[in-house]
Protein backbone atom coordinates (compact mmCIF):
# COMPACT_ATOMS: atom_id res chain seq x y z
CA MET A 1 -62.95 26.66 56.50
CA SER A 2 -59.38 26.38 54.91
CA LYS A 3 -56.36 26.88 57.28
CA PRO A 4 -54.19 29.91 56.72
CA PHE A 5 -50.92 28.68 55.03
CA PRO A 6 -48.28 29.60 57.26
CA PRO A 7 -45.28 32.45 56.49
CA ALA A 8 -42.57 31.03 54.57
CA ASP A 9 -39.87 31.78 57.28
CA ALA A 10 -41.74 29.24 59.49
CA ILE A 11 -42.12 26.18 57.24
CA LEU A 12 -39.09 24.71 58.70
CA GLN A 13 -39.36 24.13 62.22
CA PRO A 14 -36.07 22.62 63.79
CA ASP A 15 -37.28 19.69 65.39
CA GLN A 16 -35.32 18.13 68.29
CA ASP A 17 -34.77 14.39 67.38
CA GLU A 18 -34.90 15.30 63.61
CA GLY A 19 -33.76 18.41 62.37
CA PRO A 20 -35.50 20.86 59.67
CA GLN A 21 -37.94 19.09 57.43
CA LEU A 22 -39.00 19.87 53.73
CA SER A 23 -42.04 18.87 51.88
CA LEU A 24 -43.11 18.88 48.03
CA LEU A 25 -45.44 21.97 49.13
CA ASP A 26 -42.13 24.09 50.46
CA VAL A 27 -40.54 23.60 47.06
CA LEU A 28 -43.46 24.75 44.87
CA THR A 29 -43.95 27.65 47.25
CA TRP A 30 -40.63 28.76 46.61
CA LEU A 31 -40.31 28.16 42.74
CA GLY A 32 -43.61 30.09 43.01
CA GLU A 33 -41.94 32.82 44.75
CA GLY A 34 -38.81 32.45 41.95
CA LYS A 35 -40.65 32.52 38.90
CA VAL A 36 -39.32 35.71 37.31
CA LEU A 37 -36.00 34.90 37.99
CA ILE A 38 -36.48 31.17 36.40
CA ALA A 39 -38.71 32.81 33.67
CA ALA A 40 -35.97 35.21 32.69
CA VAL A 41 -32.79 33.15 32.43
CA THR A 42 -35.20 30.38 30.61
CA THR A 43 -36.22 32.95 28.46
CA THR A 44 -32.71 34.47 27.76
CA VAL A 45 -30.95 31.17 27.22
CA ALA A 46 -33.36 30.12 24.67
CA ILE A 47 -32.89 33.36 22.82
CA ALA A 48 -29.13 32.62 22.90
CA SER A 49 -29.41 29.43 22.04
CA ILE A 50 -31.97 30.33 18.65
CA ALA A 51 -29.17 32.80 17.46
CA PHE A 52 -26.00 30.06 18.70
CA ALA A 53 -27.96 27.26 16.54
CA LEU A 54 -28.85 29.68 13.50
CA THR A 55 -24.84 30.65 13.13
CA ARG A 56 -23.69 27.08 12.86
CA PRO A 57 -22.79 26.15 9.34
CA ASN A 58 -24.71 23.05 7.30
CA ILE A 59 -22.50 19.81 7.69
CA TYR A 60 -23.09 17.49 5.13
CA THR A 61 -22.31 13.57 5.61
CA ALA A 62 -21.56 11.68 2.97
CA ARG A 63 -21.55 7.79 3.01
CA THR A 64 -19.64 5.05 0.98
CA THR A 65 -19.79 1.69 2.23
CA LEU A 66 -17.08 -1.44 1.37
CA LEU A 67 -17.16 -5.06 1.70
CA PRO A 68 -14.23 -7.34 2.20
CA SER A 69 -13.98 -10.30 -0.68
CA THR A 70 -15.57 -13.38 1.15
CA GLN A 71 -13.12 -15.46 -1.69
CA GLN A 72 -10.26 -17.52 -0.42
CA GLN A 73 -6.97 -16.24 -1.45
CA GLY A 74 -5.86 -19.93 -2.50
CA GLY A 75 -4.43 -20.37 -6.11
CA SER A 76 -6.28 -21.10 -8.81
CA SER A 77 -6.20 -23.99 -11.36
CA ALA A 78 -4.47 -21.59 -13.46
CA ALA A 79 -1.82 -20.97 -11.52
CA ALA A 80 -1.29 -24.93 -10.02
CA ALA A 81 -1.05 -25.44 -13.90
CA ALA A 82 1.57 -23.06 -13.88
CA LEU A 83 3.65 -24.33 -11.13
CA GLY A 84 3.97 -27.78 -12.46
CA ALA A 85 6.12 -26.09 -15.26
CA LEU A 86 9.17 -26.63 -13.08
CA GLY A 87 8.75 -29.82 -11.46
CA ASN A 88 10.03 -29.67 -8.10
CA LEU A 89 9.16 -25.69 -7.63
CA GLY A 90 5.51 -26.54 -7.96
CA GLY A 91 6.20 -26.82 -3.93
CA LEU A 92 6.04 -23.08 -3.85
CA GLY A 93 2.50 -22.90 -5.18
CA ASN A 94 1.54 -23.46 -1.78
CA LEU A 95 3.61 -20.24 -0.45
CA GLY A 96 1.62 -18.60 2.00
CA GLY A 97 -0.59 -21.93 3.41
CA GLY A 98 -4.11 -20.54 1.78
CA LEU A 99 -4.63 -17.41 3.48
CA ALA A 100 -7.73 -16.87 4.60
CA LYS A 101 -9.56 -13.57 4.07
CA MET A 102 -8.62 -10.55 5.92
CA PRO A 103 -10.26 -9.66 9.01
CA ASP A 104 -12.77 -6.80 8.85
CA ASP A 105 -11.00 -4.96 11.88
CA LEU A 106 -7.80 -4.91 9.94
CA TYR A 107 -9.18 -3.44 7.16
CA VAL A 108 -10.63 -0.83 9.28
CA ALA A 109 -6.74 -0.33 10.96
CA LEU A 110 -5.83 0.17 7.02
CA LEU A 111 -8.38 2.63 6.13
CA ARG A 112 -7.61 4.52 9.16
CA SER A 113 -3.42 4.23 8.95
CA ASP A 114 -1.07 7.41 8.26
CA SER A 115 -0.58 5.77 4.33
CA VAL A 116 -4.24 6.31 3.39
CA GLN A 117 -4.73 9.92 5.19
CA ARG A 118 -1.19 11.34 4.57
CA ALA A 119 -2.39 9.97 0.88
CA LEU A 120 -5.86 11.89 1.20
CA ASP A 121 -4.23 14.93 2.50
CA LYS A 122 -2.22 14.77 -0.41
CA ARG A 123 -4.78 14.45 -2.69
CA PHE A 124 -7.25 16.33 -1.60
CA ASN A 125 -4.92 19.47 0.68
CA LEU A 126 -6.86 18.22 3.73
CA ARG A 127 -4.70 20.41 6.40
CA GLU A 128 -4.65 23.65 3.85
CA ARG A 129 -8.29 22.78 3.94
CA TYR A 130 -9.02 22.55 7.88
CA ARG A 131 -6.57 25.43 8.28
CA LEU A 132 -4.14 23.07 10.42
CA GLU A 133 -0.30 23.89 10.48
CA ASN A 134 1.38 20.24 10.56
CA TYR A 135 0.12 16.15 10.09
CA GLU A 136 0.22 16.06 13.70
CA ASP A 137 -2.89 18.04 14.21
CA LEU A 138 -4.61 16.68 10.98
CA ARG A 139 -4.42 13.35 12.59
CA ALA A 140 -6.12 14.43 15.86
CA LYS A 141 -9.01 15.97 13.66
CA LEU A 142 -9.70 13.42 10.92
CA PRO A 143 -11.04 11.41 13.15
CA THR A 144 -13.53 14.13 14.23
CA VAL A 145 -15.16 14.41 9.87
CA ILE A 146 -14.21 10.64 8.88
CA GLN A 147 -16.35 7.95 11.06
CA ILE A 148 -14.93 4.56 9.89
CA LYS A 149 -16.77 1.59 11.36
CA GLY A 150 -17.18 -1.71 10.64
CA ASP A 151 -20.30 -4.81 10.88
CA LYS A 152 -19.35 -7.25 12.99
CA LYS A 153 -22.90 -8.65 11.79
CA THR A 154 -22.34 -8.12 7.72
CA GLY A 155 -18.70 -7.76 7.71
CA MET A 156 -18.94 -4.45 5.71
CA ILE A 157 -17.27 -1.36 6.06
CA SER A 158 -18.43 2.09 6.11
CA VAL A 159 -16.87 5.47 5.51
CA GLU A 160 -18.70 8.50 6.87
CA VAL A 161 -17.53 11.89 6.05
CA ASP A 162 -18.67 15.47 7.05
CA ASP A 163 -18.12 18.83 5.55
CA LYS A 164 -19.83 21.57 4.97
CA ASP A 165 -19.63 20.89 0.64
CA PRO A 166 -21.81 18.39 -0.42
CA GLN A 167 -19.71 17.47 -3.25
CA PHE A 168 -16.44 17.63 -1.28
CA ALA A 169 -17.59 14.97 1.48
CA ALA A 170 -18.86 12.44 -1.48
CA ASP A 171 -15.15 12.92 -3.22
CA LEU A 172 -12.93 12.61 -0.04
CA ALA A 173 -15.42 9.28 1.11
CA ASN A 174 -14.88 7.60 -2.79
CA ALA A 175 -11.80 8.56 -2.50
CA HIS A 176 -11.29 6.07 0.59
CA ALA A 177 -11.76 3.01 -1.28
CA THR A 178 -9.12 4.07 -4.18
CA GLU A 179 -6.71 4.36 -1.21
CA ILE A 180 -7.04 1.33 0.60
CA ASP A 181 -6.72 -0.76 -3.11
CA ARG A 182 -3.42 1.34 -3.88
CA LEU A 183 -2.05 0.25 -0.18
CA LEU A 184 -3.35 -3.22 -0.85
CA GLY A 185 -1.18 -3.02 -4.18
CA ARG A 186 1.69 -2.01 -2.32
CA LEU A 187 1.41 -4.97 0.53
CA ALA A 188 1.45 -8.58 -0.30
CA VAL A 189 -1.30 -9.34 1.73
CA SER A 190 -3.03 -12.29 -0.15
CA GLU A 191 -1.42 -15.87 -1.48
CA ALA A 192 -1.83 -14.80 -5.06
CA GLN A 193 -0.24 -10.97 -4.24
CA GLN A 194 2.94 -12.67 -2.46
CA ARG A 195 3.46 -15.38 -5.52
CA ARG A 196 3.31 -12.63 -8.11
CA THR A 197 5.68 -10.42 -5.74
CA PHE A 198 7.92 -13.33 -5.63
CA PHE A 199 7.97 -14.43 -9.29
CA GLU A 200 8.13 -11.05 -10.16
CA GLN A 201 11.95 -10.81 -8.52
CA GLN A 202 12.62 -14.51 -9.94
CA LEU A 203 12.03 -13.30 -13.14
CA LYS A 204 13.93 -10.60 -12.81
CA ASP A 205 16.84 -12.49 -11.23
CA SER A 206 16.94 -14.90 -14.49
CA LYS A 207 17.05 -11.98 -17.04
CA ASP A 208 20.27 -11.16 -15.04
CA ARG A 209 21.70 -14.46 -15.33
CA LEU A 210 20.43 -14.94 -19.05
CA VAL A 211 22.32 -12.08 -19.74
CA ARG A 212 25.75 -12.92 -17.86
CA ALA A 213 25.41 -16.64 -19.36
CA GLU A 214 25.07 -14.93 -23.28
CA GLN A 215 27.98 -12.55 -22.27
CA THR A 216 29.79 -15.92 -21.53
CA LEU A 217 29.07 -17.43 -24.75
CA ARG A 218 30.31 -14.19 -26.98
CA GLU A 219 33.31 -14.22 -25.22
CA VAL A 220 34.34 -18.20 -25.64
CA GLN A 221 33.65 -17.49 -29.10
CA GLU A 222 35.66 -14.32 -29.39
CA LYS A 223 38.16 -16.14 -27.48
CA SER A 224 38.28 -19.58 -29.11
CA GLY A 225 36.60 -18.35 -32.67
CA MET A 226 33.68 -21.13 -32.34
CA VAL A 227 30.59 -19.89 -33.72
CA VAL A 228 28.47 -22.82 -34.66
CA LEU A 229 29.57 -26.08 -33.29
CA ASP A 230 29.01 -28.57 -35.73
CA LYS A 231 28.82 -26.90 -38.65
CA GLN A 232 32.06 -24.49 -38.60
CA ALA A 233 33.95 -27.88 -37.13
CA GLU A 234 32.65 -29.77 -40.20
CA ALA A 235 34.26 -26.64 -42.35
CA ILE A 236 37.30 -26.57 -40.71
CA ILE A 237 38.25 -30.03 -41.60
CA THR A 238 36.96 -30.06 -45.42
CA ALA A 239 39.01 -27.04 -45.72
CA VAL A 240 41.98 -28.84 -44.59
CA ALA A 241 41.31 -31.52 -47.00
CA GLN A 242 40.89 -29.37 -49.63
CA LEU A 243 43.53 -27.52 -48.83
CA LYS A 244 45.80 -31.22 -48.35
CA SER A 245 44.90 -31.87 -52.29
CA ARG A 246 45.52 -28.72 -53.36
CA ILE A 247 49.44 -29.29 -52.06
CA ALA A 248 49.46 -32.52 -53.65
CA GLU A 249 48.29 -31.67 -56.91
CA ARG A 250 51.11 -28.54 -56.56
CA GLU A 251 53.97 -31.01 -55.84
CA ILE A 252 53.28 -33.33 -58.80
CA GLN A 253 52.49 -30.55 -60.83
CA LEU A 254 56.65 -28.86 -59.88
CA LYS A 255 57.70 -32.08 -60.11
CA VAL A 256 56.76 -32.06 -63.84
CA MET A 257 58.04 -28.81 -64.52
CA ARG A 258 61.12 -29.60 -62.46
CA ALA A 259 62.14 -32.38 -65.05
CA THR A 260 61.08 -30.33 -68.13
CA THR A 261 62.57 -26.55 -66.97
CA THR A 262 65.13 -25.24 -65.40
CA PRO A 263 64.87 -23.92 -61.74
CA GLU A 264 64.78 -20.07 -62.49
CA ASN A 265 62.01 -20.42 -65.03
CA PRO A 266 59.14 -17.63 -63.89
CA ASP A 267 56.74 -20.60 -63.96
CA THR A 268 58.41 -23.08 -61.62
CA ARG A 269 59.29 -20.04 -59.52
CA ARG A 270 55.49 -19.54 -59.20
CA VAL A 271 54.52 -23.15 -58.16
CA ALA A 272 57.15 -23.45 -56.02
CA SER A 273 56.13 -20.85 -53.99
CA GLU A 274 52.25 -21.04 -53.80
CA LEU A 275 53.45 -24.73 -53.17
CA ALA A 276 55.56 -23.30 -50.11
CA ALA A 277 52.66 -21.08 -48.79
CA MET A 278 50.13 -23.44 -48.99
CA ARG A 279 52.23 -26.09 -47.01
CA SER A 280 53.24 -22.77 -44.20
CA GLU A 281 48.79 -22.82 -43.65
CA LEU A 282 48.38 -26.58 -43.66
CA ALA A 283 50.45 -26.39 -40.76
CA ARG A 284 48.89 -23.07 -39.16
CA MET A 285 46.03 -25.10 -39.39
CA GLU A 286 46.99 -28.23 -38.20
CA SER A 287 48.91 -26.46 -35.20
CA ASN A 288 47.70 -25.81 -31.41
CA GLY A 289 48.43 -22.28 -31.95
CA GLY A 290 44.77 -20.85 -32.26
CA ALA A 291 43.17 -19.50 -34.60
CA ALA A 292 44.91 -17.35 -37.86
CA ALA A 293 45.11 -13.60 -37.16
CA ASP A 294 43.09 -11.08 -39.67
CA PRO A 295 44.22 -9.88 -42.34
CA ASP A 296 44.08 -6.54 -40.71
CA GLY A 297 45.26 -7.66 -37.18
CA ALA A 298 41.95 -6.64 -35.60
CA GLY A 299 41.45 -10.17 -33.76
CA ALA A 300 40.71 -13.31 -34.16
CA GLY A 301 40.15 -14.95 -37.81
CA ILE A 302 36.75 -17.00 -38.41
CA ASP A 303 39.13 -20.11 -38.51
CA ILE A 304 39.95 -22.12 -35.59
CA ALA A 305 43.20 -24.45 -35.43
CA VAL A 306 42.16 -28.39 -35.64
CA GLY A 307 44.10 -29.14 -32.88
CA ARG A 308 41.84 -26.71 -30.77
CA LEU A 309 38.71 -28.16 -31.83
CA PRO A 310 38.34 -30.64 -29.11
CA SER A 311 39.12 -27.74 -26.16
CA ALA A 312 37.13 -25.25 -28.16
CA SER A 313 34.12 -27.40 -28.58
CA VAL A 314 33.84 -28.05 -24.89
CA ASP A 315 34.20 -24.26 -23.79
CA TYR A 316 31.28 -23.73 -26.23
CA VAL A 317 28.97 -26.48 -25.68
CA ARG A 318 29.55 -25.25 -21.52
CA ALA A 319 28.65 -21.95 -22.60
CA MET A 320 25.96 -22.73 -25.11
CA ARG A 321 24.63 -25.35 -22.13
CA GLU A 322 24.05 -22.47 -19.44
CA VAL A 323 22.33 -20.14 -21.86
CA LYS A 324 19.88 -22.89 -22.61
CA PHE A 325 19.37 -23.63 -19.01
CA GLN A 326 18.64 -19.99 -18.59
CA GLU A 327 16.48 -19.69 -21.02
CA ALA A 328 14.49 -22.76 -19.91
CA MET A 329 14.71 -21.37 -16.31
CA LEU A 330 13.10 -17.44 -17.64
CA ALA A 331 10.76 -19.16 -19.36
CA GLY A 332 9.40 -21.23 -16.28
CA MET A 333 9.60 -18.16 -14.42
CA LEU A 334 7.40 -16.20 -16.94
CA ARG A 335 4.88 -18.64 -16.47
CA GLN A 336 4.77 -18.82 -12.98
CA PHE A 337 4.50 -15.00 -12.60
CA GLU A 338 1.63 -14.90 -15.10
CA GLY A 339 -0.52 -17.79 -13.01
CA ALA A 340 0.04 -15.78 -10.23
CA LYS A 341 -1.13 -12.27 -12.14
CA LEU A 342 -4.23 -14.40 -13.43
CA ASP A 343 -5.34 -15.70 -9.63
CA GLU A 344 -4.25 -11.94 -8.13
CA ALA A 345 -6.76 -10.21 -10.95
CA LYS A 346 -9.49 -12.78 -9.93
CA ASN A 347 -9.06 -12.22 -6.07
CA ALA A 348 -8.90 -8.40 -6.72
CA PRO A 349 -10.25 -6.17 -5.41
CA ALA A 350 -9.67 -7.36 -1.99
CA LEU A 351 -12.69 -4.60 -0.94
CA GLN A 352 -15.16 -3.84 -2.87
CA GLN A 353 -17.11 -0.67 -3.30
CA VAL A 354 -20.84 -1.59 -2.29
CA ASP A 355 -22.23 2.30 -2.04
CA GLU A 356 -20.88 5.12 -4.21
CA ALA A 357 -20.50 8.22 -1.95
CA LEU A 358 -23.08 10.61 -3.86
CA PRO A 359 -23.40 14.44 -2.40
CA PRO A 360 -26.48 14.64 0.02
CA ASP A 361 -29.63 16.48 -0.40
CA PHE A 362 -29.82 17.32 3.11
CA LYS A 363 -27.79 18.35 6.27
CA SER A 364 -27.11 16.22 8.47
CA LYS A 365 -26.23 18.68 11.23
CA PRO A 366 -26.69 21.18 13.27
CA ARG A 367 -29.38 19.40 14.49
CA ARG A 368 -31.20 23.66 16.07
CA SER A 369 -34.20 22.01 17.82
CA GLN A 370 -32.58 19.76 19.59
CA ILE A 371 -29.99 22.57 20.72
CA VAL A 372 -32.73 24.58 21.40
CA MET A 373 -34.98 22.58 23.30
CA GLY A 374 -31.37 21.38 25.43
CA ALA A 375 -29.97 24.40 26.69
CA THR A 376 -34.04 26.11 27.19
CA LEU A 377 -34.61 22.97 29.41
CA ALA A 378 -31.29 22.92 30.81
CA ALA A 379 -31.85 26.55 31.68
CA LEU A 380 -34.49 26.15 33.56
CA LEU A 381 -33.63 23.47 35.59
CA LEU A 382 -30.61 24.77 36.77
CA SER A 383 -32.41 28.16 37.78
CA ALA A 384 -35.07 26.60 39.30
CA ALA A 385 -32.86 24.55 41.19
CA TRP A 386 -30.40 27.42 41.99
CA VAL A 387 -33.54 29.31 43.46
CA VAL A 388 -34.59 25.89 45.48
CA VAL A 389 -30.94 25.50 47.02
CA ARG A 390 -30.70 29.31 47.53
CA ARG A 391 -34.15 29.69 49.95
CA PHE A 392 -33.07 26.39 51.66
CA LEU A 393 -29.64 27.36 52.85
CA ALA A 394 -31.63 30.86 53.45
CA VAL A 395 -34.23 29.36 55.99
CA THR A 396 -31.76 26.73 57.44
CA GLY A 397 -29.21 29.62 57.83
CA ALA A 398 -32.08 31.61 59.55
CA ASN A 399 -33.25 29.04 61.83
CA ASN A 400 -30.49 27.29 63.01
CA ASP A 401 -28.53 28.16 66.15
CA PRO A 402 -25.44 31.56 66.26
CA GLU A 403 -22.68 29.79 65.51
CA ARG A 404 -24.03 28.11 62.45
CA GLN A 405 -25.18 31.25 61.12
CA LYS A 406 -21.41 32.49 62.02
CA SER A 407 -20.04 29.27 59.79
CA LEU A 408 -21.95 30.03 56.82
CA ALA A 409 -21.00 33.83 56.97
CA SER A 410 -17.20 32.67 56.81
CA LEU A 411 -18.01 30.20 54.19
CA ARG A 412 -19.91 33.08 51.76
CA GLY A 413 -16.78 34.83 52.55
CA ALA A 414 -14.37 32.61 51.58
CA TRP A 415 -15.65 31.89 48.47
CA ARG A 416 -16.79 35.66 47.68
CA LEU A 417 -14.42 37.17 45.13
CA ARG A 418 -14.29 40.71 46.44
CA ARG A 419 -14.50 41.02 49.66
CA ARG A 420 -15.18 43.70 51.92
């Protein structure tokens, strides 16, 4: 014959040595007595969680994968051949010391940089889409919708974007590959890019120096009248010789005419005048006073005084030599620049897009079944714990001495929202 179950108030009996004793049967009994409360709370929370899960919008996750280049960023044979064009300048071909590939963590940091985020904000108007007032709020928001992770084992970098619109999520994910390429193009992160940037600046400087050298040569030509050194000097000397020959002929002709005619004869006077003009022109051409002026007085003439040929030749040779030197430097820098561009094109892109993000077909969030199950389970456990704790406190308070009951009553009164 079974023994009758003791009443709930008599379950816990104080022991003189150990105090109140609690068993599994006691807990199960209390749960049975509070099953209505537990069921009501659990059902209410389950219904509320279902309503909450159904009101949440569908979130789609688009994913793209980037692979850092595994090639060394050292110069190619084409660049090495171009470097040899300038002799001692070929040492510049080792600029950067053969940088190894960039660490994956640095690529991840660049993808999360303000430069990339601001470019994406400008391109997709993210602040308006997420209803944010300033960029600082956007910076805090983006990590919740964009996850950028690097895989240490494979070295690949994944970019995942969450959004209500699957097409927008795919476009935003793919835009990371475009913006990181632009950022890396702006930053000289590889040896080829460093050399290309360096020689680009040197090429610009060489062009400026060549323009200045050409301007100096033009000024020398305008000042001295020297245009073509060898041919012009030969032409001037020939002209002087011819003028002297003509003067000798006129002198002989004048002597003959004076022997046969009077000095007042018109032909004699004409020949004498021509001879005087020729002698004046010869004196001018042989003097050191400079080139003759143009007939209109507009500037220097095309001829040069024979006495000034040495100094004019020296100035002309120096100016022409500087022009030739700057032309050679410009040609060498141009070859260097083209070689660096070839190396940069060979090593680019630094990040290759392995998987292009496509609009996902199925949602990734919210997981409504997990929300409902989690909330229901939590409500069940918490309500059950509340029933057990409340009954345990009631029983221990009823069996303890008056002082303990008084203390518990004071504690409840202290935490009561509305005091009586």
